[in-house]
Amino acid sequence: MTQRWYVAGPMTGLPDLNFPAFHAAAATLRAAGHHVENPAEINADPKAGWVDCMRADIQRLVTCDAVLLLPGWRNSRGATLEHHIAQALGLQLVDAS
């Protein structure tokens, strides 16, 4: 069954904003036949502000069935916010750590 997945994880302060990890996770989910909302694709401009990025990301997050949490997500302000929203909405949460 195809599901809509959102990839959540740390970006700020990491090399290349951790985009390689986001892209790898998205590729794995897509190979399994799922639709993926990937913040590294939603906000491809590394100069975009945090608030603007989070607003765009959350709009996509709420359309999903499940969230894949990348390693280090607990140390990320944005990813912990996304986790909280997903949990409140009853989305499936999968920790990739």
Protein backbone atom coordinates (compact mmCIF):
# COMPACT_ATOMS: atom_id res chain seq x y z
CA MET A 1 0.00 0.00 0.00
CA THR A 2 1.38 3.38 -1.01
CA GLN A 3 1.71 5.84 1.83
CA ARG A 4 2.69 9.49 2.02
CA TRP A 5 5.89 9.80 4.05
CA TYR A 6 7.57 12.86 5.49
CA VAL A 7 11.29 12.80 6.28
CA ALA A 8 12.25 14.68 9.47
CA GLY A 9 15.71 15.22 10.87
CA PRO A 10 18.42 17.68 11.79
CA MET A 11 19.71 20.20 9.24
CA THR A 12 20.99 23.32 10.99
CA GLY A 13 24.72 23.29 11.62
CA LEU A 14 25.39 20.06 9.73
CA PRO A 15 27.52 19.75 6.57
CA ASP A 16 25.41 20.34 3.46
CA LEU A 17 22.47 20.82 5.85
CA ASN A 18 22.33 17.01 6.09
CA PHE A 19 20.71 16.96 2.64
CA PRO A 20 22.50 13.72 1.64
CA ALA A 21 20.79 11.84 4.50
CA PHE A 22 17.40 13.31 3.56
CA HIS A 23 17.86 12.39 -0.11
CA ALA A 24 19.00 8.85 0.73
CA ALA A 25 15.99 8.27 2.99
CA ALA A 26 13.63 9.67 0.36
CA ALA A 27 15.16 7.43 -2.32
CA THR A 28 14.66 4.34 -0.15
CA LEU A 29 11.02 5.19 0.52
CA ARG A 30 10.35 5.98 -3.14
CA ALA A 31 11.95 2.70 -4.20
CA ALA A 32 9.37 0.99 -1.98
CA GLY A 33 6.63 2.79 -3.92
CA HIS A 34 5.78 5.54 -1.46
CA HIS A 35 5.16 9.24 -2.05
CA VAL A 36 7.74 11.28 -0.12
CA GLU A 37 7.74 14.83 1.18
CA ASN A 38 11.42 15.69 1.63
CA PRO A 39 12.32 19.02 3.30
CA ALA A 40 15.62 19.00 1.39
CA GLU A 41 13.53 19.27 -1.78
CA ILE A 42 10.83 21.55 -0.36
CA ASN A 43 13.46 24.05 0.83
CA ALA A 44 16.32 23.59 -1.61
CA ASP A 45 17.68 27.12 -0.96
CA PRO A 46 20.23 26.84 1.88
CA LYS A 47 19.85 30.58 2.56
CA ALA A 48 16.12 30.38 3.34
CA GLY A 49 15.17 31.37 6.89
CA TRP A 50 14.20 28.79 9.50
CA VAL A 51 10.65 30.09 10.01
CA ASP A 52 9.91 30.18 6.28
CA CYS A 53 11.27 26.66 5.87
CA MET A 54 9.24 25.31 8.79
CA ARG A 55 6.03 26.88 7.50
CA ALA A 56 6.51 25.23 4.11
CA ASP A 57 7.52 21.92 5.68
CA ILE A 58 4.59 21.77 8.10
CA GLN A 59 2.15 22.39 5.25
CA ARG A 60 3.47 19.20 3.63
CA LEU A 61 3.85 17.24 6.87
CA VAL A 62 0.14 17.41 7.67
CA THR A 63 -0.71 15.74 4.34
CA CYS A 64 1.31 12.62 5.22
CA ASP A 65 0.49 9.26 6.78
CA ALA A 66 3.89 8.59 8.33
CA VAL A 67 7.13 10.28 9.37
CA LEU A 68 10.63 8.85 9.10
CA LEU A 69 12.83 10.38 11.81
CA LEU A 70 16.49 10.55 10.83
CA PRO A 71 19.31 10.02 13.36
CA GLY A 72 19.83 13.09 15.53
CA TRP A 73 16.24 14.30 15.24
CA ARG A 74 15.91 14.68 19.02
CA ASN A 75 18.62 17.37 18.94
CA SER A 76 16.85 19.39 16.24
CA ARG A 77 14.40 22.15 17.11
CA GLY A 78 12.58 21.73 13.79
CA ALA A 79 12.45 17.93 13.83
CA THR A 80 11.18 17.83 17.41
CA LEU A 81 8.44 20.28 16.43
CA GLU A 82 7.57 18.08 13.44
CA HIS A 83 7.55 15.01 15.71
CA HIS A 84 5.19 16.76 18.13
CA ILE A 85 2.79 17.73 15.33
CA ALA A 86 2.89 14.25 13.78
CA GLN A 87 2.27 12.60 17.14
CA ALA A 88 -0.65 14.93 17.89
CA LEU A 89 -2.17 14.09 14.50
CA GLY A 90 -1.77 10.35 15.01
CA LEU A 91 0.71 9.83 12.18
CA GLN A 92 2.90 6.73 12.15
CA LEU A 93 6.37 7.55 13.50
CA VAL A 94 9.43 5.51 12.51
CA ASP A 95 12.79 6.26 14.12
CA ALA A 96 15.63 5.45 11.71
CA SER A 97 18.28 5.74 14.45
